[in-house]
């Protein structure tokens, strides 16, 4: 009888401990607005180009992160799916020529409006969280812009062309017509109640931009981007 009582007491302790540990587990949702800078990174082989440089652009969007948080005391693990809209810019600079009086300078840029889908696991330590995510951006429309500065005998002429692209145009114009991405996020939650918080954070990301196969070495030639910025969100989740 004593052994049975001890067994029941042990089971009760384990149940109470588990209920306490997992009390903060539950559904999690975040509405997130990122704003940041995009540093264009030319990739592949560009024949006949003497100078190839990055240019800075602007990124923004709105995403919904939905999933489940498993609470383990003051530490929680969140598995979140990510859906939303993303505006991205991919900009670079290239030039070639004999000297400053005779050269060709080109500023290619692509601006995309994309449907974004991905996965963003997070580790929560108290009110602070770190996320490592990946996914794909599917451009539904874009603008391809090329500014050209031609200098001949010291006289410069400038020209800018803009081409609007829909999804069909993008599929027909690029061999890689979706944009895989990776990102690292840092957030701090300011809770108004036990389940509602304002998120303030930052992010680092990398986009593998639209690209075509180079006829020179069969590599993809395009413009990737390194992204850095801030993000503001409204979070619905149990507080650890």
C-alpha atoms as a PDB file:
ATOM      1  CA  UNK A   1       0.000   0.000   0.000  1.00  0.00           C
ATOM      2  CA  UNK A   2       2.865   2.357   0.857  1.00  0.00           C
ATOM      3  CA  UNK A   3       4.489   1.628  -2.496  1.00  0.00           C
ATOM      4  CA  UNK A   4       1.243   2.469  -4.294  1.00  0.00           C
ATOM      5  CA  UNK A   5       0.966   5.756  -2.368  1.00  0.00           C
ATOM      6  CA  UNK A   6       4.555   6.646  -3.232  1.00  0.00           C
ATOM      7  CA  UNK A   7       3.897   5.802  -6.894  1.00  0.00           C
ATOM      8  CA  UNK A   8       0.739   7.949  -6.944  1.00  0.00           C
ATOM      9  CA  UNK A   9       2.629  10.804  -5.254  1.00  0.00           C
ATOM     10  CA  UNK A  10       5.423  10.567  -7.858  1.00  0.00           C
ATOM     11  CA  UNK A  11       2.911  10.570 -10.725  1.00  0.00           C
ATOM     12  CA  UNK A  12       1.149  13.601  -9.202  1.00  0.00           C
ATOM     13  CA  UNK A  13       4.451  15.492  -8.907  1.00  0.00           C
ATOM     14  CA  UNK A  14       5.337  14.702 -12.520  1.00  0.00           C
ATOM     15  CA  UNK A  15       1.918  15.818 -13.753  1.00  0.00           C
ATOM     16  CA  UNK A  16       2.061  19.082 -11.797  1.00  0.00           C
ATOM     17  CA  UNK A  17       5.608  19.735 -13.054  1.00  0.00           C
ATOM     18  CA  UNK A  18       4.637  19.118 -16.674  1.00  0.00           C
ATOM     19  CA  UNK A  19       1.566  21.346 -16.416  1.00  0.00           C
ATOM     20  CA  UNK A  20       3.747  24.131 -14.975  1.00  0.00           C
ATOM     21  CA  UNK A  21       6.509  23.723 -17.556  1.00  0.00           C
ATOM     22  CA  UNK A  22       4.187  23.651 -20.576  1.00  0.00           C
ATOM     23  CA  UNK A  23       1.745  26.263 -19.266  1.00  0.00           C
ATOM     24  CA  UNK A  24       3.066  28.845 -21.740  1.00  0.00           C
ATOM     25  CA  UNK A  25       2.604  26.582 -24.772  1.00  0.00           C
ATOM     26  CA  UNK A  26       0.030  27.456 -27.386  1.00  0.00           C
ATOM     27  CA  UNK A  27      -0.913  29.042 -30.691  1.00  0.00           C
ATOM     28  CA  UNK A  28       1.314  31.918 -31.851  1.00  0.00           C
ATOM     29  CA  UNK A  29       0.649  34.560 -34.492  1.00  0.00           C
ATOM     30  CA  UNK A  30       2.659  37.648 -35.485  1.00  0.00           C
ATOM     31  CA  UNK A  31       1.747  40.402 -37.929  1.00  0.00           C
ATOM     32  CA  UNK A  32       5.103  41.809 -39.001  1.00  0.00           C
ATOM     33  CA  UNK A  33       6.215  44.875 -41.014  1.00  0.00           C
ATOM     34  CA  UNK A  34       9.910  44.927 -42.078  1.00  0.00           C
ATOM     35  CA  UNK A  35      11.643  48.054 -43.411  1.00  0.00           C
ATOM     36  CA  UNK A  36      15.247  47.982 -44.529  1.00  0.00           C
ATOM     37  CA  UNK A  37      18.086  48.437 -46.966  1.00  0.00           C
ATOM     38  CA  UNK A  38      18.983  46.079 -49.789  1.00  0.00           C
ATOM     39  CA  UNK A  39      22.592  45.854 -51.001  1.00  0.00           C
ATOM     40  CA  UNK A  40      22.719  44.499 -54.561  1.00  0.00           C
ATOM     41  CA  UNK A  41      25.245  41.716 -55.199  1.00  0.00           C
ATOM     42  CA  UNK A  42      25.990  40.936 -58.884  1.00  0.00           C
ATOM     43  CA  UNK A  43      26.471  37.207 -59.432  1.00  0.00           C
ATOM     44  CA  UNK A  44      27.773  35.156 -62.341  1.00  0.00           C
ATOM     45  CA  UNK A  45      30.078  36.182 -65.177  1.00  0.00           C
ATOM     46  CA  UNK A  46      29.662  39.557 -66.901  1.00  0.00           C
ATOM     47  CA  UNK A  47      31.674  39.628 -70.124  1.00  0.00           C
ATOM     48  CA  UNK A  48      33.355  42.898 -71.111  1.00  0.00           C
ATOM     49  CA  UNK A  49      32.766  44.646 -67.770  1.00  0.00           C
ATOM     50  CA  UNK A  50      35.713  46.413 -66.129  1.00  0.00           C
ATOM     51  CA  UNK A  51      34.035  47.574 -62.918  1.00  0.00           C
ATOM     52  CA  UNK A  52      31.191  45.797 -61.114  1.00  0.00           C
ATOM     53  CA  UNK A  53      29.804  47.278 -57.875  1.00  0.00           C
ATOM     54  CA  UNK A  54      26.899  47.000 -55.464  1.00  0.00           C
ATOM     55  CA  UNK A  55      24.183  49.632 -55.193  1.00  0.00           C
ATOM     56  CA  UNK A  56      21.806  50.180 -52.281  1.00  0.00           C
ATOM     57  CA  UNK A  57      18.013  49.908 -52.547  1.00  0.00           C
ATOM     58  CA  UNK A  58      14.967  49.692 -50.271  1.00  0.00           C
ATOM     59  CA  UNK A  59      12.865  46.751 -49.028  1.00  0.00           C
ATOM     60  CA  UNK A  60       9.530  46.525 -47.227  1.00  0.00           C
ATOM     61  CA  UNK A  61       6.543  44.237 -46.833  1.00  0.00           C
ATOM     62  CA  UNK A  62       3.867  42.757 -44.579  1.00  0.00           C
ATOM     63  CA  UNK A  63       3.960  39.159 -43.340  1.00  0.00           C
ATOM     64  CA  UNK A  64       1.901  36.901 -41.098  1.00  0.00           C
ATOM     65  CA  UNK A  65       3.803  34.326 -39.035  1.00  0.00           C
ATOM     66  CA  UNK A  66       1.557  31.532 -37.769  1.00  0.00           C
ATOM     67  CA  UNK A  67       2.334  28.432 -35.742  1.00  0.00           C
ATOM     68  CA  UNK A  68       2.824  26.940 -32.288  1.00  0.00           C
ATOM     69  CA  UNK A  69       5.101  27.786 -29.366  1.00  0.00           C
ATOM     70  CA  UNK A  70       6.246  25.053 -26.981  1.00  0.00           C
ATOM     71  CA  UNK A  71       7.031  26.583 -23.588  1.00  0.00           C
ATOM     72  CA  UNK A  72       9.805  25.054 -21.476  1.00  0.00           C
ATOM     73  CA  UNK A  73       9.921  27.335 -18.466  1.00  0.00           C
ATOM     74  CA  UNK A  74      11.591  30.615 -19.510  1.00  0.00           C
ATOM     75  CA  UNK A  75      12.614  29.101 -22.850  1.00  0.00           C
ATOM     76  CA  UNK A  76      10.210  28.482 -25.722  1.00  0.00           C
ATOM     77  CA  UNK A  77      10.522  26.973 -29.171  1.00  0.00           C
ATOM     78  CA  UNK A  78       8.303  28.419 -31.907  1.00  0.00           C
ATOM     79  CA  UNK A  79       7.670  26.732 -35.248  1.00  0.00           C
ATOM     80  CA  UNK A  80       6.125  29.362 -37.510  1.00  0.00           C
ATOM     81  CA  UNK A  81       5.028  29.384 -41.110  1.00  0.00           C
ATOM     82  CA  UNK A  82       5.390  32.718 -42.912  1.00  0.00           C
ATOM     83  CA  UNK A  83       3.054  34.177 -45.550  1.00  0.00           C
ATOM     84  CA  UNK A  84       2.904  37.676 -46.931  1.00  0.00           C
ATOM     85  CA  UNK A  85       3.799  40.398 -49.399  1.00  0.00           C
ATOM     86  CA  UNK A  86       7.360  41.540 -50.080  1.00  0.00           C
ATOM     87  CA  UNK A  87       8.686  44.536 -52.013  1.00  0.00           C
ATOM     88  CA  UNK A  88      12.371  44.144 -52.916  1.00  0.00           C
ATOM     89  CA  UNK A  89      14.947  46.055 -54.941  1.00  0.00           C
ATOM     90  CA  UNK A  90      18.042  44.617 -56.602  1.00  0.00           C
ATOM     91  CA  UNK A  91      20.503  47.236 -57.840  1.00  0.00           C
ATOM     92  CA  UNK A  92      24.043  47.210 -59.175  1.00  0.00           C
ATOM     93  CA  UNK A  93      26.542  49.255 -61.216  1.00  0.00           C
ATOM     94  CA  UNK A  94      28.868  48.277 -64.053  1.00  0.00           C
ATOM     95  CA  UNK A  95      31.188  50.191 -66.347  1.00  0.00           C
ATOM     96  CA  UNK A  96      33.644  49.637 -69.167  1.00  0.00           C
ATOM     97  CA  UNK A  97      35.762  51.906 -71.351  1.00  0.00           C
ATOM     98  CA  UNK A  98      39.159  53.261 -72.249  1.00  0.00           C
ATOM     99  CA  UNK A  99      39.313  56.171 -69.777  1.00  0.00           C
ATOM    100  CA  UNK A 100      37.122  58.749 -68.008  1.00  0.00           C
ATOM    101  CA  UNK A 101      36.470  60.550 -71.315  1.00  0.00           C
ATOM    102  CA  UNK A 102      35.344  57.412 -73.124  1.00  0.00           C
ATOM    103  CA  UNK A 103      33.304  54.924 -71.132  1.00  0.00           C
ATOM    104  CA  UNK A 104      29.929  53.268 -70.700  1.00  0.00           C
ATOM    105  CA  UNK A 105      28.260  53.166 -67.269  1.00  0.00           C
ATOM    106  CA  UNK A 106      25.157  51.058 -66.627  1.00  0.00           C
ATOM    107  CA  UNK A 107      22.887  50.941 -63.582  1.00  0.00           C
ATOM    108  CA  UNK A 108      20.639  47.836 -63.854  1.00  0.00           C
ATOM    109  CA  UNK A 109      17.856  47.533 -61.273  1.00  0.00           C
ATOM    110  CA  UNK A 110      14.941  45.180 -60.691  1.00  0.00           C
ATOM    111  CA  UNK A 111      12.058  46.029 -58.343  1.00  0.00           C
ATOM    112  CA  UNK A 112       9.749  43.141 -57.444  1.00  0.00           C
ATOM    113  CA  UNK A 113       6.337  42.727 -55.800  1.00  0.00           C
ATOM    114  CA  UNK A 114       6.204  39.165 -54.489  1.00  0.00           C
ATOM    115  CA  UNK A 115       4.093  36.621 -52.642  1.00  0.00           C
ATOM    116  CA  UNK A 116       6.291  35.267 -49.858  1.00  0.00           C
ATOM    117  CA  UNK A 117       6.078  31.842 -48.242  1.00  0.00           C
ATOM    118  CA  UNK A 118       8.529  30.255 -45.837  1.00  0.00           C
ATOM    119  CA  UNK A 119       9.326  28.664 -42.485  1.00  0.00           C
ATOM    120  CA  UNK A 120      10.705  30.567 -39.468  1.00  0.00           C
ATOM    121  CA  UNK A 121      11.660  28.520 -36.358  1.00  0.00           C
ATOM    122  CA  UNK A 122      12.447  30.665 -33.308  1.00  0.00           C
ATOM    123  CA  UNK A 123      14.047  30.228 -29.907  1.00  0.00           C
ATOM    124  CA  UNK A 124      12.426  32.414 -27.243  1.00  0.00           C
ATOM    125  CA  UNK A 125      14.349  33.318 -24.094  1.00  0.00           C
ATOM    126  CA  UNK A 126      11.942  35.217 -21.882  1.00  0.00           C
ATOM    127  CA  UNK A 127      10.702  38.120 -24.015  1.00  0.00           C
ATOM    128  CA  UNK A 128      13.630  37.909 -26.478  1.00  0.00           C
ATOM    129  CA  UNK A 129      13.604  35.699 -29.585  1.00  0.00           C
ATOM    130  CA  UNK A 130      16.026  34.636 -32.314  1.00  0.00           C
ATOM    131  CA  UNK A 131      14.727  33.174 -35.586  1.00  0.00           C
ATOM    132  CA  UNK A 132      16.422  31.434 -38.506  1.00  0.00           C
ATOM    133  CA  UNK A 133      14.208  31.101 -41.565  1.00  0.00           C
ATOM    134  CA  UNK A 134      14.114  30.302 -45.255  1.00  0.00           C
ATOM    135  CA  UNK A 135      11.595  30.255 -48.046  1.00  0.00           C
ATOM    136  CA  UNK A 136      10.785  31.600 -51.462  1.00  0.00           C
ATOM    137  CA  UNK A 137       9.446  34.857 -52.896  1.00  0.00           C
ATOM    138  CA  UNK A 138       7.320  34.479 -56.027  1.00  0.00           C
ATOM    139  CA  UNK A 139       7.279  37.765 -57.993  1.00  0.00           C
ATOM    140  CA  UNK A 140       3.817  38.551 -59.355  1.00  0.00           C
ATOM    141  CA  UNK A 141       4.985  41.798 -60.971  1.00  0.00           C
ATOM    142  CA  UNK A 142       8.249  43.683 -61.413  1.00  0.00           C
ATOM    143  CA  UNK A 143       9.910  46.680 -63.013  1.00  0.00           C
ATOM    144  CA  UNK A 144      13.204  46.245 -64.848  1.00  0.00           C
ATOM    145  CA  UNK A 145      15.038  49.567 -64.996  1.00  0.00           C
ATOM    146  CA  UNK A 146      18.297  50.314 -66.781  1.00  0.00           C
ATOM    147  CA  UNK A 147      19.987  53.704 -66.580  1.00  0.00           C
ATOM    148  CA  UNK A 148      22.844  54.219 -69.045  1.00  0.00           C
ATOM    149  CA  UNK A 149      25.490  56.964 -69.034  1.00  0.00           C
ATOM    150  CA  UNK A 150      27.564  57.108 -72.230  1.00  0.00           C
ATOM    151  CA  UNK A 151      30.651  59.331 -72.269  1.00  0.00           C
ATOM    152  CA  UNK A 152      32.367  59.958 -75.616  1.00  0.00           C
ATOM    153  CA  UNK A 153      35.207  62.475 -75.857  1.00  0.00           C
ATOM    154  CA  UNK A 154      34.184  63.850 -72.474  1.00  0.00           C
ATOM    155  CA  UNK A 155      30.547  64.450 -73.461  1.00  0.00           C
ATOM    156  CA  UNK A 156      28.017  62.492 -71.379  1.00  0.00           C
ATOM    157  CA  UNK A 157      24.570  61.360 -72.514  1.00  0.00           C
ATOM    158  CA  UNK A 158      22.106  59.667 -70.179  1.00  0.00           C
ATOM    159  CA  UNK A 159      19.182  57.400 -70.924  1.00  0.00           C
ATOM    160  CA  UNK A 160      16.757  55.438 -68.709  1.00  0.00           C
ATOM    161  CA  UNK A 161      14.438  52.622 -69.758  1.00  0.00           C
ATOM    162  CA  UNK A 162      11.694  51.001 -67.682  1.00  0.00           C
ATOM    163  CA  UNK A 163       9.935  47.757 -68.524  1.00  0.00           C
ATOM    164  CA  UNK A 164       6.942  46.538 -66.497  1.00  0.00           C
ATOM    165  CA  UNK A 165       6.708  42.776 -66.114  1.00  0.00           C
ATOM    166  CA  UNK A 166       3.788  40.574 -65.048  1.00  0.00           C
ATOM    167  CA  UNK A 167       4.122  36.991 -63.865  1.00  0.00           C
ATOM    168  CA  UNK A 168       4.064  35.567 -67.394  1.00  0.00           C
ATOM    169  CA  UNK A 169       6.772  38.010 -68.513  1.00  0.00           C
ATOM    170  CA  UNK A 170       8.923  37.048 -65.527  1.00  0.00           C
ATOM    171  CA  UNK A 171       8.591  33.333 -66.266  1.00  0.00           C
ATOM    172  CA  UNK A 172       9.529  33.894 -69.909  1.00  0.00           C
ATOM    173  CA  UNK A 173      12.366  36.348 -69.231  1.00  0.00           C
ATOM    174  CA  UNK A 174      14.320  34.585 -66.478  1.00  0.00           C
ATOM    175  CA  UNK A 175      15.649  31.047 -66.129  1.00  0.00           C
ATOM    176  CA  UNK A 176      15.350  31.400 -62.340  1.00  0.00           C
ATOM    177  CA  UNK A 177      12.032  33.183 -61.913  1.00  0.00           C
ATOM    178  CA  UNK A 178      11.477  32.769 -58.166  1.00  0.00           C
ATOM    179  CA  UNK A 179      13.602  34.205 -55.358  1.00  0.00           C
ATOM    180  CA  UNK A 180      14.831  31.802 -52.633  1.00  0.00           C
ATOM    181  CA  UNK A 181      15.746  33.599 -49.416  1.00  0.00           C
ATOM    182  CA  UNK A 182      17.308  33.065 -45.982  1.00  0.00           C
ATOM    183  CA  UNK A 183      17.090  35.320 -42.959  1.00  0.00           C
ATOM    184  CA  UNK A 184      18.067  35.791 -39.331  1.00  0.00           C
ATOM    185  CA  UNK A 185      15.728  37.736 -37.010  1.00  0.00           C
ATOM    186  CA  UNK A 186      16.026  39.280 -33.561  1.00  0.00           C
ATOM    187  CA  UNK A 187      12.913  40.458 -31.664  1.00  0.00           C
ATOM    188  CA  UNK A 188      11.957  41.747 -28.249  1.00  0.00           C
ATOM    189  CA  UNK A 189       8.338  41.523 -27.096  1.00  0.00           C
ATOM    190  CA  UNK A 190       6.727  44.214 -24.951  1.00  0.00           C
ATOM    191  CA  UNK A 191       3.652  42.476 -23.503  1.00  0.00           C
ATOM    192  CA  UNK A 192       0.457  44.473 -22.876  1.00  0.00           C
ATOM    193  CA  UNK A 193      -1.227  41.393 -21.406  1.00  0.00           C
ATOM    194  CA  UNK A 194      -0.470  37.717 -20.889  1.00  0.00           C
ATOM    195  CA  UNK A 195      -0.918  37.008 -24.628  1.00  0.00           C
ATOM    196  CA  UNK A 196      -0.551  40.283 -26.604  1.00  0.00           C
ATOM    197  CA  UNK A 197       2.751  42.064 -27.266  1.00  0.00           C
ATOM    198  CA  UNK A 198       4.391  44.680 -29.446  1.00  0.00           C
ATOM    199  CA  UNK A 199       7.457  43.284 -31.202  1.00  0.00           C
ATOM    200  CA  UNK A 200      10.488  45.441 -31.982  1.00  0.00           C
ATOM    201  CA  UNK A 201      13.355  43.841 -33.825  1.00  0.00           C
ATOM    202  CA  UNK A 202      15.923  43.639 -36.576  1.00  0.00           C
ATOM    203  CA  UNK A 203      16.742  41.251 -39.395  1.00  0.00           C
ATOM    204  CA  UNK A 204      19.532  40.145 -41.716  1.00  0.00           C
ATOM    205  CA  UNK A 205      18.713  38.364 -44.966  1.00  0.00           C
ATOM    206  CA  UNK A 206      19.976  37.125 -48.287  1.00  0.00           C
ATOM    207  CA  UNK A 207      17.931  36.871 -51.515  1.00  0.00           C
ATOM    208  CA  UNK A 208      18.942  34.790 -54.539  1.00  0.00           C
ATOM    209  CA  UNK A 209      17.499  37.160 -57.147  1.00  0.00           C
ATOM    210  CA  UNK A 210      16.016  36.624 -60.604  1.00  0.00           C
ATOM    211  CA  UNK A 211      18.685  35.368 -62.990  1.00  0.00           C
ATOM    212  CA  UNK A 212      19.514  33.817 -66.335  1.00  0.00           C
ATOM    213  CA  UNK A 213      22.077  31.219 -67.352  1.00  0.00           C
ATOM    214  CA  UNK A 214      25.302  32.800 -68.632  1.00  0.00           C
ATOM    215  CA  UNK A 215      26.369  31.516 -72.079  1.00  0.00           C
ATOM    216  CA  UNK A 216      30.000  31.856 -70.986  1.00  0.00           C
ATOM    217  CA  UNK A 217      30.173  29.397 -68.084  1.00  0.00           C
ATOM    218  CA  UNK A 218      26.549  28.272 -67.612  1.00  0.00           C
ATOM    219  CA  UNK A 219      26.388  30.049 -64.233  1.00  0.00           C
ATOM    220  CA  UNK A 220      23.368  32.057 -63.186  1.00  0.00           C
ATOM    221  CA  UNK A 221      23.916  35.735 -63.935  1.00  0.00           C
ATOM    222  CA  UNK A 222      21.779  38.148 -61.973  1.00  0.00           C
ATOM    223  CA  UNK A 223      21.565  40.367 -58.925  1.00  0.00           C
ATOM    224  CA  UNK A 224      21.291  38.898 -55.439  1.00  0.00           C
ATOM    225  CA  UNK A 225      20.871  41.072 -52.359  1.00  0.00           C
ATOM    226  CA  UNK A 226      22.005  41.285 -48.758  1.00  0.00           C
ATOM    227  CA  UNK A 227      19.264  42.810 -46.614  1.00  0.00           C
ATOM    228  CA  UNK A 228      19.444  44.557 -43.269  1.00  0.00           C
ATOM    229  CA  UNK A 229      16.654  46.391 -41.488  1.00  0.00           C
ATOM    230  CA  UNK A 230      14.221  46.876 -38.624  1.00  0.00           C
ATOM    231  CA  UNK A 231      10.817  45.295 -38.087  1.00  0.00           C
ATOM    232  CA  UNK A 232       7.711  46.116 -36.105  1.00  0.00           C
ATOM    233  CA  UNK A 233       5.119  43.514 -35.213  1.00  0.00           C
ATOM    234  CA  UNK A 234       2.016  42.674 -33.203  1.00  0.00           C
ATOM    235  CA  UNK A 235       2.383  39.315 -31.466  1.00  0.00           C
ATOM    236  CA  UNK A 236      -0.302  36.992 -30.090  1.00  0.00           C
ATOM    237  CA  UNK A 237       1.303  34.249 -27.972  1.00  0.00           C
ATOM    238  CA  UNK A 238       1.454  32.976 -24.377  1.00  0.00           C
ATOM    239  CA  UNK A 239       4.055  34.828 -22.311  1.00  0.00           C
ATOM    240  CA  UNK A 240       6.873  32.698 -20.922  1.00  0.00           C
END
